[in-house]
Amino acid sequence: MAQQHTPKQKAKELYIYYFVLFSDVDYVIAKKKAKMCVRKTLEEILGLVSNDLDLYYKDCIYYEQVATELEKL
């Protein structure tokens, strides 16, 4: 997979995607729910790529960095 975004950009992109879905609720709740959804998404991606060594070296590290950047938002 060719990454078009830095891990920080990807974390923010995913976070905003989910945050918009919860925009009709309180800001604090929307923020928590958005992060929860991104974490689950990243867990699923990491679970898939960790089963393939070729993908692991290319993508797993990238998505682990995305997860780290998510926590900074």
Protein backbone atom coordinates (compact mmCIF):
# COMPACT_ATOMS: atom_id res chain seq x y z
CA MET A 1 0.00 0.00 0.00
CA ALA A 2 1.36 3.38 -0.91
CA GLN A 3 0.72 5.76 1.94
CA GLN A 4 -0.46 9.11 0.72
CA HIS A 5 -0.61 10.62 4.20
CA THR A 6 1.70 10.84 7.15
CA PRO A 7 0.53 8.87 10.19
CA LYS A 8 -0.56 12.16 11.79
CA GLN A 9 -2.62 13.11 8.72
CA LYS A 10 -4.23 9.66 8.52
CA ALA A 11 -5.12 9.72 12.23
CA LYS A 12 -6.76 13.12 11.81
CA GLU A 13 -8.58 12.02 8.63
CA LEU A 14 -10.05 8.95 10.34
CA TYR A 15 -10.87 10.89 13.49
CA ILE A 16 -12.73 13.62 11.58
CA TYR A 17 -14.64 11.01 9.57
CA TYR A 18 -16.05 9.44 12.72
CA PHE A 19 -16.38 12.72 14.63
CA VAL A 20 -18.76 14.01 11.95
CA LEU A 21 -20.92 10.93 12.42
CA PHE A 22 -21.38 11.86 16.08
CA SER A 23 -21.61 15.62 15.58
CA ASP A 24 -25.21 15.68 16.78
CA VAL A 25 -24.17 14.83 20.35
CA ASP A 26 -22.11 16.65 22.97
CA TYR A 27 -18.58 17.56 21.80
CA VAL A 28 -16.84 15.56 24.54
CA ILE A 29 -18.96 12.50 23.82
CA ALA A 30 -18.43 12.86 20.06
CA LYS A 31 -14.67 13.08 20.59
CA LYS A 32 -14.60 9.94 22.77
CA LYS A 33 -16.80 7.97 20.39
CA ALA A 34 -14.78 9.04 17.36
CA LYS A 35 -11.53 7.92 18.98
CA MET A 36 -13.13 4.64 20.02
CA CYS A 37 -14.20 3.98 16.42
CA VAL A 38 -10.79 4.84 15.00
CA ARG A 39 -9.13 2.54 17.54
CA LYS A 40 -11.40 -0.32 16.48
CA THR A 41 -10.73 0.40 12.81
CA LEU A 42 -6.98 0.36 13.44
CA GLU A 43 -7.24 -2.88 15.43
CA GLU A 44 -9.00 -4.50 12.48
CA ILE A 45 -6.40 -3.24 9.99
CA LEU A 46 -3.50 -4.32 12.20
CA GLY A 47 -5.09 -7.73 12.67
CA LEU A 48 -5.29 -8.20 8.93
CA VAL A 49 -1.83 -6.97 8.01
CA SER A 50 -0.08 -8.73 10.89
CA ASN A 51 -1.03 -12.08 9.35
CA ASP A 52 0.95 -11.31 6.18
CA LEU A 53 4.67 -10.67 6.62
CA ASP A 54 4.94 -8.64 3.41
CA LEU A 55 2.13 -6.36 4.51
CA TYR A 56 3.42 -6.27 8.06
CA TYR A 57 6.69 -4.60 7.20
CA LYS A 58 5.04 -2.15 4.82
CA ASP A 59 1.82 -1.25 6.60
CA CYS A 60 1.70 -2.46 10.18
CA ILE A 61 4.33 -0.02 11.37
CA TYR A 62 2.50 2.80 9.55
CA TYR A 63 -0.83 2.00 11.22
CA GLU A 64 0.83 1.65 14.62
CA GLN A 65 2.14 5.19 14.10
CA VAL A 66 -1.39 6.30 13.12
CA ALA A 67 -2.67 4.86 16.41
CA THR A 68 0.00 6.80 18.31
CA GLU A 69 -0.95 10.03 16.54
CA LEU A 70 -4.64 9.43 17.29
CA GLU A 71 -3.91 9.60 21.01
CA LYS A 72 -2.43 13.07 20.53
CA LEU A 73 -5.66 14.46 19.07
